[in-house]
PDB file of N, CA and C in Angstrom:
ATOM      1  N   MET A   1     -30.131  -0.981 -10.121  1.00  0.00           N
ATOM      2  CA  MET A   1     -28.970  -1.764 -10.505  1.00  0.00           C
ATOM      3  C   MET A   1     -28.275  -0.353 -11.521  1.00  0.00           C
ATOM      4  N   PRO A   2     -26.763   0.131 -11.360  1.00  0.00           N
ATOM      5  CA  PRO A   2     -26.428   0.575 -12.534  1.00  0.00           C
ATOM      6  C   PRO A   2     -26.140   0.000 -13.725  1.00  0.00           C
ATOM      7  N   GLU A   3     -25.738   0.931 -14.499  1.00  0.00           N
ATOM      8  CA  GLU A   3     -25.496   0.520 -15.818  1.00  0.00           C
ATOM      9  C   GLU A   3     -24.314  -0.509 -15.654  1.00  0.00           C
ATOM     10  N   TRP A   4     -24.986  -1.837 -15.459  1.00  0.00           N
ATOM     11  CA  TRP A   4     -23.745  -3.021 -15.188  1.00  0.00           C
ATOM     12  C   TRP A   4     -23.757  -3.630 -16.548  1.00  0.00           C
ATOM     13  N   SER A   5     -22.742  -4.602 -17.191  1.00  0.00           N
ATOM     14  CA  SER A   5     -22.190  -5.379 -18.038  1.00  0.00           C
ATOM     15  C   SER A   5     -22.946  -6.465 -17.559  1.00  0.00           C
ATOM     16  N   GLU A   6     -23.119  -7.530 -18.719  1.00  0.00           N
ATOM     17  CA  GLU A   6     -23.929  -8.786 -18.603  1.00  0.00           C
ATOM     18  C   GLU A   6     -23.085  -9.560 -17.255  1.00  0.00           C
ATOM     19  N   LYS A   7     -21.669  -9.657 -17.486  1.00  0.00           N
ATOM     20  CA  LYS A   7     -20.508 -10.419 -16.614  1.00  0.00           C
ATOM     21  C   LYS A   7     -20.748  -9.500 -15.279  1.00  0.00           C
ATOM     22  N   ASP A   8     -21.461  -8.233 -14.939  1.00  0.00           N
ATOM     23  CA  ASP A   8     -21.643  -7.765 -13.562  1.00  0.00           C
ATOM     24  C   ASP A   8     -22.612  -8.620 -13.076  1.00  0.00           C
ATOM     25  N   LYS A   9     -23.829  -8.451 -13.877  1.00  0.00           N
ATOM     26  CA  LYS A   9     -25.144  -9.106 -13.185  1.00  0.00           C
ATOM     27  C   LYS A   9     -24.905 -10.394 -12.806  1.00  0.00           C
ATOM     28  N   ARG A  10     -24.121 -11.174 -14.057  1.00  0.00           N
ATOM     29  CA  ARG A  10     -23.753 -12.811 -13.559  1.00  0.00           C
ATOM     30  C   ARG A  10     -23.139 -12.774 -12.152  1.00  0.00           C
ATOM     31  N   GLN A  11     -22.266 -11.703 -12.023  1.00  0.00           N
ATOM     32  CA  GLN A  11     -21.360 -12.062 -10.550  1.00  0.00           C
ATOM     33  C   GLN A  11     -22.482 -11.568  -9.495  1.00  0.00           C
ATOM     34  N   TYR A  12     -22.938 -10.472 -10.045  1.00  0.00           N
ATOM     35  CA  TYR A  12     -24.201 -10.267  -8.777  1.00  0.00           C
ATOM     36  C   TYR A  12     -24.863 -11.376  -8.656  1.00  0.00           C
ATOM     37  N   GLU A  13     -25.381 -12.300  -9.416  1.00  0.00           N
ATOM     38  CA  GLU A  13     -26.296 -13.341  -9.042  1.00  0.00           C
ATOM     39  C   GLU A  13     -25.407 -14.409  -8.135  1.00  0.00           C
ATOM     40  N   HIS A  14     -24.707 -14.720  -8.711  1.00  0.00           N
ATOM     41  CA  HIS A  14     -23.620 -15.402  -8.140  1.00  0.00           C
ATOM     42  C   HIS A  14     -23.332 -15.138  -6.569  1.00  0.00           C
ATOM     43  N   ILE A  15     -23.007 -14.192  -6.444  1.00  0.00           N
ATOM     44  CA  ILE A  15     -22.864 -13.746  -5.112  1.00  0.00           C
ATOM     45  C   ILE A  15     -23.805 -13.581  -4.287  1.00  0.00           C
ATOM     46  N   LYS A  16     -24.617 -13.082  -4.768  1.00  0.00           N
ATOM     47  CA  LYS A  16     -26.140 -13.114  -4.030  1.00  0.00           C
ATOM     48  C   LYS A  16     -26.757 -14.519  -3.705  1.00  0.00           C
ATOM     49  N   GLU A  17     -26.762 -15.535  -4.704  1.00  0.00           N
ATOM     50  CA  GLU A  17     -27.296 -17.160  -4.628  1.00  0.00           C
ATOM     51  C   GLU A  17     -26.030 -17.167  -3.330  1.00  0.00           C
ATOM     52  N   SER A  18     -25.153 -17.597  -3.453  1.00  0.00           N
ATOM     53  CA  SER A  18     -24.108 -17.882  -2.608  1.00  0.00           C
ATOM     54  C   SER A  18     -24.035 -17.529  -0.965  1.00  0.00           C
ATOM     55  N   SER A  19     -24.233 -15.932  -0.935  1.00  0.00           N
ATOM     56  CA  SER A  19     -24.721 -15.815   0.123  1.00  0.00           C
ATOM     57  C   SER A  19     -25.844 -16.579   0.947  1.00  0.00           C
ATOM     58  N   LYS A  20     -26.892 -16.308   0.235  1.00  0.00           N
ATOM     59  CA  LYS A  20     -28.051 -17.218   0.635  1.00  0.00           C
ATOM     60  C   LYS A  20     -27.944 -18.228   1.146  1.00  0.00           C
ATOM     61  N   LYS A  21     -27.068 -19.076   0.349  1.00  0.00           N
ATOM     62  CA  LYS A  21     -26.957 -20.938   0.530  1.00  0.00           C
ATOM     63  C   LYS A  21     -25.860 -20.639   2.189  1.00  0.00           C
ATOM     64  N   ARG A  22     -25.513 -19.580   2.593  1.00  0.00           N
ATOM     65  CA  ARG A  22     -24.565 -19.584   3.478  1.00  0.00           C
ATOM     66  C   ARG A  22     -25.450 -19.420   4.858  1.00  0.00           C
ATOM     67  N   GLY A  23     -26.699 -18.787   4.315  1.00  0.00           N
ATOM     68  CA  GLY A  23     -27.764 -18.502   5.267  1.00  0.00           C
ATOM     69  C   GLY A  23     -28.092 -17.249   5.747  1.00  0.00           C
ATOM     70  N   ILE A  24     -27.563 -16.551   5.027  1.00  0.00           N
ATOM     71  CA  ILE A  24     -27.765 -14.639   4.943  1.00  0.00           C
ATOM     72  C   ILE A  24     -29.193 -14.252   4.361  1.00  0.00           C
ATOM     73  N   LYS A  25     -29.651 -13.784   5.409  1.00  0.00           N
ATOM     74  CA  LYS A  25     -31.120 -12.867   4.700  1.00  0.00           C
ATOM     75  C   LYS A  25     -30.702 -12.333   3.480  1.00  0.00           C
ATOM     76  N   THR A  26     -32.078 -12.481   2.587  1.00  0.00           N
ATOM     77  CA  THR A  26     -32.088 -11.974   1.253  1.00  0.00           C
ATOM     78  C   THR A  26     -31.598 -10.669   0.900  1.00  0.00           C
ATOM     79  N   GLU A  27     -32.200  -9.581   1.845  1.00  0.00           N
ATOM     80  CA  GLU A  27     -31.670  -8.228   1.432  1.00  0.00           C
ATOM     81  C   GLU A  27     -30.132  -7.978   1.806  1.00  0.00           C
ATOM     82  N   ARG A  28     -29.741  -8.679   3.035  1.00  0.00           N
ATOM     83  CA  ARG A  28     -28.248  -8.574   3.323  1.00  0.00           C
ATOM     84  C   ARG A  28     -27.240  -8.925   1.833  1.00  0.00           C
ATOM     85  N   ALA A  29     -27.839 -10.168   1.457  1.00  0.00           N
ATOM     86  CA  ALA A  29     -27.347 -10.968   0.379  1.00  0.00           C
ATOM     87  C   ALA A  29     -27.225  -9.952  -0.893  1.00  0.00           C
ATOM     88  N   LYS A  30     -28.152  -9.434  -0.807  1.00  0.00           N
ATOM     89  CA  LYS A  30     -28.123  -8.417  -2.061  1.00  0.00           C
ATOM     90  C   LYS A  30     -27.347  -7.100  -2.055  1.00  0.00           C
ATOM     91  N   GLU A  31     -27.376  -6.663  -1.079  1.00  0.00           N
ATOM     92  CA  GLU A  31     -26.308  -5.684  -0.579  1.00  0.00           C
ATOM     93  C   GLU A  31     -24.898  -6.170  -0.506  1.00  0.00           C
ATOM     94  N   ILE A  32     -24.607  -7.437   0.100  1.00  0.00           N
ATOM     95  CA  ILE A  32     -23.296  -7.813  -0.352  1.00  0.00           C
ATOM     96  C   ILE A  32     -22.625  -7.781  -1.731  1.00  0.00           C
ATOM     97  N   ALA A  33     -23.730  -8.595  -2.676  1.00  0.00           N
ATOM     98  CA  ALA A  33     -23.474  -8.975  -3.802  1.00  0.00           C
ATOM     99  C   ALA A  33     -22.769  -7.195  -4.521  1.00  0.00           C
ATOM    100  N   GLY A  34     -23.996  -6.544  -4.338  1.00  0.00           N
ATOM    101  CA  GLY A  34     -24.105  -4.946  -4.634  1.00  0.00           C
ATOM    102  C   GLY A  34     -22.743  -4.452  -4.769  1.00  0.00           C
ATOM    103  N   ARG A  35     -22.360  -4.632  -3.510  1.00  0.00           N
ATOM    104  CA  ARG A  35     -20.890  -3.796  -2.833  1.00  0.00           C
ATOM    105  C   ARG A  35     -19.930  -4.575  -3.531  1.00  0.00           C
ATOM    106  N   THR A  36     -20.009  -5.950  -3.497  1.00  0.00           N
ATOM    107  CA  THR A  36     -18.637  -6.735  -4.164  1.00  0.00           C
ATOM    108  C   THR A  36     -18.905  -5.971  -5.875  1.00  0.00           C
ATOM    109  N   VAL A  37     -19.799  -6.044  -6.724  1.00  0.00           N
ATOM    110  CA  VAL A  37     -19.733  -5.840  -7.897  1.00  0.00           C
ATOM    111  C   VAL A  37     -19.244  -4.621  -8.155  1.00  0.00           C
ATOM    112  N   ASN A  38     -19.664  -3.514  -7.194  1.00  0.00           N
ATOM    113  CA  ASN A  38     -19.698  -2.140  -7.408  1.00  0.00           C
ATOM    114  C   ASN A  38     -17.898  -2.047  -7.053  1.00  0.00           C
ATOM    115  N   LYS A  39     -17.442  -2.299  -6.319  1.00  0.00           N
ATOM    116  CA  LYS A  39     -15.807  -2.554  -6.089  1.00  0.00           C
ATOM    117  C   LYS A  39     -15.584  -3.294  -7.110  1.00  0.00           C
ATOM    118  N   GLN A  40     -15.499  -4.104  -7.488  1.00  0.00           N
ATOM    119  CA  GLN A  40     -15.023  -4.811  -8.522  1.00  0.00           C
ATOM    120  C   GLN A  40     -14.920  -3.566  -9.822  1.00  0.00           C
ATOM    121  N   ARG A  41     -15.821  -2.967 -10.289  1.00  0.00           N
ATOM    122  CA  ARG A  41     -15.926  -2.041 -11.024  1.00  0.00           C
ATOM    123  C   ARG A  41     -14.733  -0.634 -10.724  1.00  0.00           C
ATOM    124  N   ARG A  42     -15.022  -0.174  -9.625  1.00  0.00           N
ATOM    125  CA  ARG A  42     -14.210   0.565  -8.960  1.00  0.00           C
ATOM    126  C   ARG A  42     -12.753   0.539  -9.497  1.00  0.00           C
ATOM    127  N   LYS A  43     -12.249  -0.847  -8.908  1.00  0.00           N
ATOM    128  CA  LYS A  43     -10.904  -1.280  -9.589  1.00  0.00           C
ATOM    129  C   LYS A  43     -10.523  -0.929 -11.013  1.00  0.00           C
ATOM    130  N   GLU A  44     -11.376  -1.444 -11.620  1.00  0.00           N
ATOM    131  CA  GLU A  44     -11.396  -1.561 -13.109  1.00  0.00           C
ATOM    132  C   GLU A  44     -11.780  -0.211 -13.660  1.00  0.00           C
ATOM    133  N   GLY A  45     -11.841   0.834 -12.995  1.00  0.00           N
ATOM    134  CA  GLY A  45     -12.094   2.097 -13.168  1.00  0.00           C
ATOM    135  C   GLY A  45     -13.228   1.775 -14.329  1.00  0.00           C
ATOM    136  N   ARG A  46     -14.311   1.408 -14.051  1.00  0.00           N
ATOM    137  CA  ARG A  46     -15.619   1.224 -14.750  1.00  0.00           C
ATOM    138  C   ARG A  46     -16.422   2.092 -14.072  1.00  0.00           C
ATOM    139  N   THR A  47     -16.509   3.111 -13.140  1.00  0.00           N
ATOM    140  CA  THR A  47     -17.626   3.359 -12.475  1.00  0.00           C
ATOM    141  C   THR A  47     -17.577   5.250 -12.802  1.00  0.00           C
ATOM    142  N   PRO A  48     -19.170   5.683 -12.484  1.00  0.00           N
ATOM    143  CA  PRO A  48     -19.218   7.073 -12.803  1.00  0.00           C
ATOM    144  C   PRO A  48     -17.984   7.909 -12.259  1.00  0.00           C
ATOM    145  N   ASN A  49     -17.701   9.315 -12.493  1.00  0.00           N
ATOM    146  CA  ASN A  49     -16.666   9.767 -11.956  1.00  0.00           C
ATOM    147  C   ASN A  49     -17.062  10.416 -10.569  1.00  0.00           C
ATOM    148  N   LYS A  50     -16.404   9.806  -9.400  1.00  0.00           N
ATOM    149  CA  LYS A  50     -16.293   9.992  -8.348  1.00  0.00           C
ATOM    150  C   LYS A  50     -14.993  10.663  -7.688  1.00  0.00           C
ATOM    151  N   ARG A  51     -14.822  11.607  -6.593  1.00  0.00           N
ATOM    152  CA  ARG A  51     -13.490  11.691  -6.033  1.00  0.00           C
ATOM    153  C   ARG A  51     -12.939  10.848  -5.316  1.00  0.00           C
ATOM    154  N   SER A  52     -13.908  10.252  -5.028  1.00  0.00           N
ATOM    155  CA  SER A  52     -13.249   9.425  -3.797  1.00  0.00           C
ATOM    156  C   SER A  52     -13.159   7.637  -4.298  1.00  0.00           C
ATOM    157  N   HIS A  53     -13.141   7.559  -5.566  1.00  0.00           N
ATOM    158  CA  HIS A  53     -13.009   6.182  -6.233  1.00  0.00           C
ATOM    159  C   HIS A  53     -12.350   5.748  -7.696  1.00  0.00           C
ATOM    160  N   GLY A  54     -11.871   4.887  -7.553  1.00  0.00           N
ATOM    161  CA  GLY A  54     -11.187   4.720  -8.763  1.00  0.00           C
ATOM    162  C   GLY A  54      -9.886   5.343  -9.127  1.00  0.00           C
ATOM    163  N   THR A  55      -9.291   4.434  -9.996  1.00  0.00           N
ATOM    164  CA  THR A  55      -7.873   5.191 -10.506  1.00  0.00           C
ATOM    165  C   THR A  55      -7.699   5.322 -11.874  1.00  0.00           C
ATOM    166  N   GLY A  56      -9.198   5.526 -12.304  1.00  0.00           N
ATOM    167  CA  GLY A  56      -8.807   5.336 -13.978  1.00  0.00           C
ATOM    168  C   GLY A  56      -8.731   4.066 -14.817  1.00  0.00           C
ATOM    169  N   ASN A  57      -9.426   4.302 -16.044  1.00  0.00           N
ATOM    170  CA  ASN A  57      -8.761   3.322 -16.769  1.00  0.00           C
ATOM    171  C   ASN A  57      -7.464   2.978 -16.841  1.00  0.00           C
ATOM    172  N   PRO A  58      -7.171   1.382 -16.643  1.00  0.00           N
ATOM    173  CA  PRO A  58      -5.721   0.955 -16.820  1.00  0.00           C
ATOM    174  C   PRO A  58      -5.198   1.050 -18.099  1.00  0.00           C
ATOM    175  N   ASN A  59      -5.750   0.883 -19.162  1.00  0.00           N
ATOM    176  CA  ASN A  59      -5.451   1.034 -20.082  1.00  0.00           C
ATOM    177  C   ASN A  59      -5.370   2.097 -20.767  1.00  0.00           C
ATOM    178  N   ARG A  60      -5.337   3.338 -20.140  1.00  0.00           N
ATOM    179  CA  ARG A  60      -5.176   4.854 -20.646  1.00  0.00           C
ATOM    180  C   ARG A  60      -3.799   5.134 -19.995  1.00  0.00           C
ATOM    181  N   PRO A  61      -2.700   5.993 -20.825  1.00  0.00           N
ATOM    182  CA  PRO A  61      -1.888   6.652 -20.079  1.00  0.00           C
ATOM    183  C   PRO A  61      -1.710   7.691 -18.840  1.00  0.00           C
ATOM    184  N   LEU A  62      -1.528   7.850 -17.995  1.00  0.00           N
ATOM    185  CA  LEU A  62      -1.210   8.507 -16.784  1.00  0.00           C
ATOM    186  C   LEU A  62      -1.805   9.762 -17.037  1.00  0.00           C
ATOM    187  N   SER A  63      -1.110  10.207 -18.027  1.00  0.00           N
ATOM    188  CA  SER A  63      -1.480  12.128 -18.305  1.00  0.00           C
ATOM    189  C   SER A  63      -2.599  12.133 -19.096  1.00  0.00           C
ATOM    190  N   GLU A  64      -3.088  10.764 -19.279  1.00  0.00           N
ATOM    191  CA  GLU A  64      -4.971  11.201 -19.603  1.00  0.00           C
ATOM    192  C   GLU A  64      -5.862  10.961 -18.619  1.00  0.00           C
ATOM    193  N   ARG A  65      -5.302  10.537 -17.534  1.00  0.00           N
ATOM    194  CA  ARG A  65      -6.330  10.592 -16.517  1.00  0.00           C
ATOM    195  C   ARG A  65      -6.182  11.652 -15.389  1.00  0.00           C
ATOM    196  N   THR A  66      -7.575  11.896 -14.934  1.00  0.00           N
ATOM    197  CA  THR A  66      -7.585  12.704 -14.077  1.00  0.00           C
ATOM    198  C   THR A  66      -7.055  12.765 -12.608  1.00  0.00           C
ATOM    199  N   ARG A  67      -6.787  14.337 -12.319  1.00  0.00           N
ATOM    200  CA  ARG A  67      -5.903  14.585 -11.170  1.00  0.00           C
ATOM    201  C   ARG A  67      -6.418  13.614 -10.153  1.00  0.00           C
ATOM    202  N   ASP A  68      -7.942  13.204  -9.747  1.00  0.00           N
ATOM    203  CA  ASP A  68      -8.302  12.531  -8.794  1.00  0.00           C
ATOM    204  C   ASP A  68      -8.242  11.137  -8.670  1.00  0.00           C
ATOM    205  N   GLU A  69      -7.916  10.873 -10.054  1.00  0.00           N
ATOM    206  CA  GLU A  69      -7.826   9.428 -10.713  1.00  0.00           C
ATOM    207  C   GLU A  69      -6.055   9.073 -10.066  1.00  0.00           C
ATOM    208  N   LEU A  70      -5.314  10.233 -10.401  1.00  0.00           N
ATOM    209  CA  LEU A  70      -4.073  10.126 -10.493  1.00  0.00           C
ATOM    210  C   LEU A  70      -3.690   9.783  -8.539  1.00  0.00           C
ATOM    211  N   TYR A  71      -4.456  11.113  -7.894  1.00  0.00           N
ATOM    212  CA  TYR A  71      -4.082  10.818  -6.660  1.00  0.00           C
ATOM    213  C   TYR A  71      -4.770   9.668  -5.834  1.00  0.00           C
ATOM    214  N   ASN A  72      -5.670   9.385  -6.392  1.00  0.00           N
ATOM    215  CA  ASN A  72      -5.848   7.870  -5.798  1.00  0.00           C
ATOM    216  C   ASN A  72      -5.115   6.808  -5.903  1.00  0.00           C
ATOM    217  N   ARG A  73      -4.753   6.745  -7.217  1.00  0.00           N
ATOM    218  CA  ARG A  73      -3.264   5.722  -7.599  1.00  0.00           C
ATOM    219  C   ARG A  73      -2.113   6.121  -6.709  1.00  0.00           C
ATOM    220  N   ALA A  74      -1.959   7.107  -6.447  1.00  0.00           N
ATOM    221  CA  ALA A  74      -0.686   7.504  -5.788  1.00  0.00           C
ATOM    222  C   ALA A  74      -0.889   7.212  -4.274  1.00  0.00           C
ATOM    223  N   LYS A  75      -2.028   7.570  -3.514  1.00  0.00           N
ATOM    224  CA  LYS A  75      -2.854   6.712  -2.131  1.00  0.00           C
ATOM    225  C   LYS A  75      -2.225   5.483  -2.370  1.00  0.00           C
ATOM    226  N   GLU A  76      -2.465   4.586  -3.095  1.00  0.00           N
ATOM    227  CA  GLU A  76      -2.725   3.133  -3.131  1.00  0.00           C
ATOM    228  C   GLU A  76      -1.030   2.586  -2.914  1.00  0.00           C
ATOM    229  N   ARG A  77      -0.106   3.585  -3.864  1.00  0.00           N
ATOM    230  CA  ARG A  77       1.158   3.465  -3.612  1.00  0.00           C
ATOM    231  C   ARG A  77       1.538   4.073  -2.548  1.00  0.00           C
ATOM    232  N   ASN A  78       1.158   4.736  -1.619  1.00  0.00           N
ATOM    233  CA  ASN A  78       1.679   5.261  -0.265  1.00  0.00           C
ATOM    234  C   ASN A  78       2.821   6.653  -0.615  1.00  0.00           C
ATOM    235  N   ILE A  79       2.660   7.345  -1.958  1.00  0.00           N
ATOM    236  CA  ILE A  79       3.539   8.311  -2.156  1.00  0.00           C
ATOM    237  C   ILE A  79       3.437   9.514  -1.284  1.00  0.00           C
ATOM    238  N   ARG A  80       4.412   9.623  -0.527  1.00  0.00           N
ATOM    239  CA  ARG A  80       4.292  11.114   0.472  1.00  0.00           C
ATOM    240  C   ARG A  80       4.311  12.552  -0.453  1.00  0.00           C
ATOM    241  N   GLY A  81       3.319  13.266   0.348  1.00  0.00           N
ATOM    242  CA  GLY A  81       3.022  14.754  -0.344  1.00  0.00           C
ATOM    243  C   GLY A  81       2.246  14.473  -1.616  1.00  0.00           C
ATOM    244  N   ARG A  82       1.359  13.442  -1.685  1.00  0.00           N
ATOM    245  CA  ARG A  82       0.357  13.822  -2.777  1.00  0.00           C
ATOM    246  C   ARG A  82      -0.768  14.595  -2.740  1.00  0.00           C
ATOM    247  N   SER A  83      -0.910  14.828  -1.533  1.00  0.00           N
ATOM    248  CA  SER A  83      -2.367  16.158  -1.648  1.00  0.00           C
ATOM    249  C   SER A  83      -1.449  17.799  -1.905  1.00  0.00           C
ATOM    250  N   ARG A  84      -0.369  17.365  -1.876  1.00  0.00           N
ATOM    251  CA  ARG A  84      -0.081  18.981  -2.384  1.00  0.00           C
ATOM    252  C   ARG A  84       0.572  18.909  -3.667  1.00  0.00           C
ATOM    253  N   MET A  85       0.365  17.941  -4.522  1.00  0.00           N
ATOM    254  CA  MET A  85       0.777  17.844  -5.572  1.00  0.00           C
ATOM    255  C   MET A  85      -0.129  17.999  -6.969  1.00  0.00           C
ATOM    256  N   SER A  86       0.567  18.832  -7.999  1.00  0.00           N
ATOM    257  CA  SER A  86      -0.410  18.828  -9.371  1.00  0.00           C
ATOM    258  C   SER A  86      -0.476  17.845 -10.032  1.00  0.00           C
ATOM    259  N   LYS A  87      -1.296  17.709 -11.017  1.00  0.00           N
ATOM    260  CA  LYS A  87      -1.248  16.392 -11.856  1.00  0.00           C
ATOM    261  C   LYS A  87      -0.199  16.428 -12.565  1.00  0.00           C
ATOM    262  N   ASN A  88       0.648  17.205 -12.894  1.00  0.00           N
ATOM    263  CA  ASN A  88       1.641  16.812 -13.526  1.00  0.00           C
ATOM    264  C   ASN A  88       3.143  16.048 -12.661  1.00  0.00           C
ATOM    265  N   GLU A  89       3.005  16.636 -11.355  1.00  0.00           N
ATOM    266  CA  GLU A  89       3.666  16.093 -10.158  1.00  0.00           C
ATOM    267  C   GLU A  89       3.331  14.833  -9.940  1.00  0.00           C
ATOM    268  N   LEU A  90       1.985  14.605  -9.921  1.00  0.00           N
ATOM    269  CA  LEU A  90       1.316  13.214  -9.519  1.00  0.00           C
ATOM    270  C   LEU A  90       2.121  11.971 -10.906  1.00  0.00           C
ATOM    271  N   VAL A  91       1.790  12.437 -11.868  1.00  0.00           N
ATOM    272  CA  VAL A  91       2.142  11.922 -12.815  1.00  0.00           C
ATOM    273  C   VAL A  91       3.826  11.327 -12.913  1.00  0.00           C
ATOM    274  N   ASP A  92       4.517  12.303 -12.488  1.00  0.00           N
ATOM    275  CA  ASP A  92       6.172  11.913 -12.418  1.00  0.00           C
ATOM    276  C   ASP A  92       6.249  11.313 -11.380  1.00  0.00           C
ATOM    277  N   ALA A  93       5.487  11.280  -9.998  1.00  0.00           N
ATOM    278  CA  ALA A  93       5.828  10.716  -8.645  1.00  0.00           C
ATOM    279  C   ALA A  93       5.592   8.934  -9.002  1.00  0.00           C
ATOM    280  N   LEU A  94       4.262   8.821  -9.924  1.00  0.00           N
ATOM    281  CA  LEU A  94       3.617   7.677 -10.238  1.00  0.00           C
ATOM    282  C   LEU A  94       4.721   7.066 -11.203  1.00  0.00           C
ATOM    283  N   ARG A  95       4.960   7.710 -12.111  1.00  0.00           N
ATOM    284  CA  ARG A  95       6.327   7.016 -13.112  1.00  0.00           C
ATOM    285  C   ARG A  95       7.995   6.750 -12.438  1.00  0.00           C
ATOM    286  N   SER A  96       7.814   7.334 -11.326  1.00  0.00           N
ATOM    287  CA  SER A  96       9.238   7.395 -10.775  1.00  0.00           C
ATOM    288  C   SER A  96       8.986   6.254  -9.303  1.00  0.00           C
ATOM    289  N   ALA A  97       7.969   5.928  -9.301  1.00  0.00           N
ATOM    290  CA  ALA A  97       7.519   4.782  -8.050  1.00  0.00           C
ATOM    291  C   ALA A  97       7.738   3.374  -8.361  1.00  0.00           C
TER     292      ALA A  97
END
């Protein structure tokens, strides 16, 4: 398991047990639980730096986030032309959106 908090571990166990109660096999239940916890961590910006995941820590200002985090956030908001924008242009676009 990645470096999960106690809350992440509890959530994992809860989802795994819930899936097993619904008749899903143990291995599949573990996969579902792990993917669900990791998805939540990505949404909260608590994952390792990966280009395709995360929008950064929501408590940090836009200017302190990476270009990839800003791009992912712009993608969520359907900002046109985002792939050609620099970090500063993405910050401006996100502030005005």
